[in-house]
Amino acid sequence: MNANQAREVAAVLREFGIPGTVAPVDPDNAAGRWKVYDTADPATRTDITADALAALAAAVRASGIHPGERGKGQGPTRGFIVPPTDD
């Protein structure tokens, strides 16, 4: 995954309470590939991408959220409020 996808994955992992640190494979190249690790320390980290994504898939299935529906019905909606007139 790239940096933009990694930010989305990190946000969704947090949303579902799944542990993991999303970081670039090469700490000196943020434009390169990214993975999910058990810790942020590049010297001691272990790649847990497959496990994190499997846990995420299971959490999404268990939540009843279908692909493409994440975020629907949440937050403000654009529209107008017209106050009644006292005529």
N, C-alpha and C. Protein backbone atom coordinates (compact mmCIF):
# COMPACT_ATOMS: atom_id res chain seq x y z
N MET A 1 0.84 -1.17 0.00
CA MET A 1 0.00 0.00 0.00
C MET A 1 0.89 1.23 0.00
N ASN A 2 0.35 2.34 -0.48
CA ASN A 2 1.11 3.58 -0.48
C ASN A 2 0.75 4.42 0.75
N ALA A 3 1.34 5.61 0.86
CA ALA A 3 1.14 6.44 2.05
C ALA A 3 -0.32 6.84 2.24
N ASN A 4 -1.01 7.19 1.15
CA ASN A 4 -2.42 7.58 1.28
C ASN A 4 -3.28 6.41 1.74
N GLN A 5 -3.07 5.25 1.15
CA GLN A 5 -3.82 4.06 1.56
C GLN A 5 -3.48 3.71 3.01
N ALA A 6 -2.22 3.88 3.39
CA ALA A 6 -1.79 3.57 4.75
C ALA A 6 -2.51 4.43 5.77
N ARG A 7 -2.71 5.70 5.47
CA ARG A 7 -3.44 6.58 6.40
C ARG A 7 -4.88 6.09 6.58
N GLU A 8 -5.50 5.67 5.49
CA GLU A 8 -6.86 5.16 5.58
C GLU A 8 -6.91 3.87 6.39
N VAL A 9 -5.97 2.97 6.12
CA VAL A 9 -5.92 1.70 6.85
C VAL A 9 -5.71 1.96 8.34
N ALA A 10 -4.80 2.87 8.67
CA ALA A 10 -4.53 3.18 10.08
C ALA A 10 -5.79 3.72 10.77
N ALA A 11 -6.52 4.57 10.08
CA ALA A 11 -7.74 5.14 10.66
C ALA A 11 -8.79 4.06 10.90
N VAL A 12 -8.94 3.15 9.95
CA VAL A 12 -9.94 2.09 10.10
C VAL A 12 -9.52 1.09 11.18
N LEU A 13 -8.23 0.78 11.25
CA LEU A 13 -7.75 -0.10 12.32
C LEU A 13 -8.08 0.51 13.68
N ARG A 14 -7.82 1.82 13.83
CA ARG A 14 -8.13 2.50 15.10
C ARG A 14 -9.63 2.46 15.37
N GLU A 15 -10.41 2.71 14.33
CA GLU A 15 -11.87 2.73 14.48
C GLU A 15 -12.40 1.41 15.03
N PHE A 16 -11.80 0.30 14.60
CA PHE A 16 -12.25 -1.01 15.04
C PHE A 16 -11.43 -1.55 16.22
N GLY A 17 -10.51 -0.74 16.75
CA GLY A 17 -9.72 -1.14 17.91
C GLY A 17 -8.71 -2.24 17.64
N ILE A 18 -8.24 -2.32 16.40
CA ILE A 18 -7.27 -3.35 16.02
C ILE A 18 -5.87 -2.77 16.17
N PRO A 19 -5.01 -3.43 16.95
CA PRO A 19 -3.67 -2.89 17.17
C PRO A 19 -2.80 -2.99 15.92
N GLY A 20 -1.85 -2.10 15.82
CA GLY A 20 -0.90 -2.12 14.72
C GLY A 20 -0.43 -0.71 14.42
N THR A 21 0.79 -0.63 13.92
CA THR A 21 1.38 0.64 13.51
C THR A 21 1.60 0.58 12.02
N VAL A 22 1.01 1.49 11.27
CA VAL A 22 1.17 1.51 9.83
C VAL A 22 2.37 2.42 9.53
N ALA A 23 3.38 1.85 8.85
CA ALA A 23 4.62 2.59 8.61
C ALA A 23 5.23 2.15 7.29
N PRO A 24 6.10 3.01 6.73
CA PRO A 24 6.77 2.61 5.49
C PRO A 24 7.72 1.44 5.71
N VAL A 25 7.82 0.58 4.71
CA VAL A 25 8.74 -0.56 4.77
C VAL A 25 10.16 -0.04 4.96
N ASP A 26 10.52 0.97 4.20
CA ASP A 26 11.82 1.64 4.33
C ASP A 26 11.58 2.95 5.07
N PRO A 27 11.99 3.06 6.32
CA PRO A 27 11.72 4.26 7.10
C PRO A 27 12.23 5.54 6.45
N ASP A 28 13.20 5.43 5.55
CA ASP A 28 13.75 6.61 4.89
C ASP A 28 13.04 6.94 3.59
N ASN A 29 12.00 6.17 3.23
CA ASN A 29 11.30 6.38 1.96
C ASN A 29 9.79 6.33 2.19
N ALA A 30 9.24 7.45 2.62
CA ALA A 30 7.80 7.50 2.89
C ALA A 30 6.97 7.38 1.62
N ALA A 31 7.58 7.56 0.46
CA ALA A 31 6.86 7.43 -0.81
C ALA A 31 6.79 5.97 -1.28
N GLY A 32 7.48 5.08 -0.59
CA GLY A 32 7.49 3.66 -0.96
C GLY A 32 6.32 2.89 -0.38
N ARG A 33 6.48 1.57 -0.32
CA ARG A 33 5.43 0.69 0.21
C ARG A 33 5.32 0.81 1.72
N TRP A 34 4.10 0.58 2.21
CA TRP A 34 3.81 0.62 3.64
C TRP A 34 3.22 -0.70 4.07
N LYS A 35 3.40 -1.04 5.34
CA LYS A 35 2.83 -2.25 5.93
C LYS A 35 2.36 -1.96 7.35
N VAL A 36 1.71 -2.94 7.95
CA VAL A 36 1.27 -2.83 9.33
C VAL A 36 2.26 -3.63 10.18
N TYR A 37 2.75 -2.99 11.25
CA TYR A 37 3.73 -3.61 12.13
C TYR A 37 3.21 -3.66 13.56
N ASP A 38 3.84 -4.51 14.37
CA ASP A 38 3.43 -4.63 15.77
C ASP A 38 3.95 -3.49 16.62
N THR A 39 4.98 -2.81 16.18
CA THR A 39 5.56 -1.68 16.91
C THR A 39 6.15 -0.69 15.91
N ALA A 40 6.37 0.52 16.34
CA ALA A 40 6.90 1.55 15.44
C ALA A 40 8.41 1.47 15.26
N ASP A 41 9.10 0.79 16.14
CA ASP A 41 10.57 0.73 16.08
C ASP A 41 11.03 -0.12 14.90
N PRO A 42 11.67 0.50 13.90
CA PRO A 42 12.11 -0.25 12.72
C PRO A 42 13.10 -1.38 13.04
N ALA A 43 13.83 -1.27 14.14
CA ALA A 43 14.82 -2.29 14.48
C ALA A 43 14.20 -3.56 15.05
N THR A 44 13.03 -3.44 15.67
CA THR A 44 12.45 -4.60 16.34
C THR A 44 11.06 -4.98 15.84
N ARG A 45 10.53 -4.25 14.89
CA ARG A 45 9.15 -4.47 14.45
C ARG A 45 9.00 -5.76 13.66
N THR A 46 7.76 -6.29 13.70
CA THR A 46 7.39 -7.49 12.96
C THR A 46 6.21 -7.14 12.06
N ASP A 47 6.26 -7.58 10.83
CA ASP A 47 5.19 -7.33 9.87
C ASP A 47 3.96 -8.14 10.27
N ILE A 48 2.87 -7.45 10.58
CA ILE A 48 1.61 -8.11 10.94
C ILE A 48 0.49 -7.71 9.97
N THR A 49 0.87 -7.29 8.77
CA THR A 49 -0.11 -6.80 7.80
C THR A 49 -1.21 -7.82 7.55
N ALA A 50 -0.85 -9.05 7.25
CA ALA A 50 -1.85 -10.08 6.93
C ALA A 50 -2.79 -10.31 8.11
N ASP A 51 -2.24 -10.39 9.32
CA ASP A 51 -3.07 -10.61 10.51
C ASP A 51 -3.99 -9.41 10.77
N ALA A 52 -3.45 -8.19 10.61
CA ALA A 52 -4.26 -6.99 10.86
C ALA A 52 -5.40 -6.89 9.85
N LEU A 53 -5.11 -7.17 8.58
CA LEU A 53 -6.15 -7.08 7.56
C LEU A 53 -7.20 -8.18 7.74
N ALA A 54 -6.78 -9.37 8.18
CA ALA A 54 -7.73 -10.44 8.46
C ALA A 54 -8.63 -10.06 9.64
N ALA A 55 -8.04 -9.47 10.67
CA ALA A 55 -8.82 -9.03 11.83
C ALA A 55 -9.78 -7.91 11.42
N LEU A 56 -9.33 -7.04 10.54
CA LEU A 56 -10.19 -5.97 10.06
C LEU A 56 -11.36 -6.52 9.25
N ALA A 57 -11.08 -7.47 8.38
CA ALA A 57 -12.16 -8.09 7.59
C ALA A 57 -13.19 -8.75 8.50
N ALA A 58 -12.72 -9.45 9.52
CA ALA A 58 -13.63 -10.11 10.46
C ALA A 58 -14.45 -9.07 11.24
N ALA A 59 -13.80 -7.98 11.65
CA ALA A 59 -14.50 -6.94 12.40
C ALA A 59 -15.56 -6.26 11.54
N VAL A 60 -15.24 -6.03 10.27
CA VAL A 60 -16.22 -5.40 9.37
C VAL A 60 -17.41 -6.34 9.17
N ARG A 61 -17.13 -7.62 8.94
CA ARG A 61 -18.23 -8.59 8.78
C ARG A 61 -19.10 -8.63 10.03
N ALA A 62 -18.47 -8.66 11.19
CA ALA A 62 -19.21 -8.74 12.45
C ALA A 62 -20.02 -7.48 12.72
N SER A 63 -19.56 -6.34 12.21
CA SER A 63 -20.26 -5.08 12.45
C SER A 63 -21.50 -4.92 11.59
N GLY A 64 -21.59 -5.71 10.53
CA GLY A 64 -22.74 -5.59 9.64
C GLY A 64 -22.60 -4.48 8.62
N ILE A 65 -21.45 -3.80 8.60
CA ILE A 65 -21.21 -2.76 7.61
C ILE A 65 -20.84 -3.43 6.30
N HIS A 66 -21.52 -3.06 5.23
CA HIS A 66 -21.23 -3.63 3.93
C HIS A 66 -20.27 -2.72 3.19
N PRO A 67 -19.43 -3.28 2.30
CA PRO A 67 -18.49 -2.45 1.54
C PRO A 67 -19.22 -1.29 0.86
N GLY A 68 -18.63 -0.12 0.92
CA GLY A 68 -19.22 1.05 0.31
C GLY A 68 -20.19 1.80 1.20
N GLU A 69 -20.55 1.22 2.35
CA GLU A 69 -21.50 1.88 3.24
C GLU A 69 -20.85 2.55 4.43
N ARG A 70 -19.55 2.37 4.60
CA ARG A 70 -18.87 2.96 5.74
C ARG A 70 -19.03 4.47 5.72
N GLY A 71 -19.49 5.02 6.80
CA GLY A 71 -19.64 6.45 6.92
C GLY A 71 -21.00 6.97 6.51
N LYS A 72 -21.82 6.15 5.86
CA LYS A 72 -23.14 6.65 5.46
C LYS A 72 -23.98 6.91 6.70
N GLY A 73 -24.70 8.01 6.67
CA GLY A 73 -25.59 8.33 7.77
C GLY A 73 -24.90 8.87 9.00
N GLN A 74 -23.60 9.16 8.89
CA GLN A 74 -22.88 9.68 10.03
C GLN A 74 -22.49 11.12 9.76
N GLY A 75 -22.55 11.95 10.77
CA GLY A 75 -22.10 13.32 10.63
C GLY A 75 -23.16 14.22 10.02
N PRO A 76 -22.77 15.47 9.82
CA PRO A 76 -23.73 16.45 9.33
C PRO A 76 -24.12 16.19 7.87
N THR A 77 -25.32 16.64 7.54
CA THR A 77 -25.82 16.54 6.18
C THR A 77 -26.14 17.94 5.70
N ARG A 78 -25.81 18.22 4.47
CA ARG A 78 -26.12 19.53 3.92
C ARG A 78 -27.61 19.67 3.71
N GLY A 79 -28.10 20.87 3.92
CA GLY A 79 -29.51 21.13 3.71
C GLY A 79 -29.86 22.50 4.23
N PHE A 80 -31.12 22.81 4.15
CA PHE A 80 -31.61 24.11 4.60
C PHE A 80 -32.67 23.90 5.66
N ILE A 81 -32.68 24.81 6.61
CA ILE A 81 -33.73 24.81 7.61
C ILE A 81 -34.49 26.12 7.43
N VAL A 82 -35.75 25.97 7.16
CA VAL A 82 -36.59 27.15 6.95
C VAL A 82 -37.49 27.28 8.17
N PRO A 83 -37.27 28.35 8.95
CA PRO A 83 -38.09 28.51 10.16
C PRO A 83 -39.54 28.85 9.78
N PRO A 84 -40.47 28.40 10.60
CA PRO A 84 -41.88 28.70 10.30
C PRO A 84 -42.15 30.19 10.45
N THR A 85 -43.07 30.67 9.70
CA THR A 85 -43.47 32.06 9.82
C THR A 85 -44.64 32.14 10.79
N ASP A 86 -44.74 33.23 11.50
CA ASP A 86 -45.82 33.40 12.46
C ASP A 86 -46.93 34.25 11.88
N ASP A 87 -47.24 34.08 10.61
CA ASP A 87 -48.28 34.88 9.95
C ASP A 87 -49.65 34.40 10.27
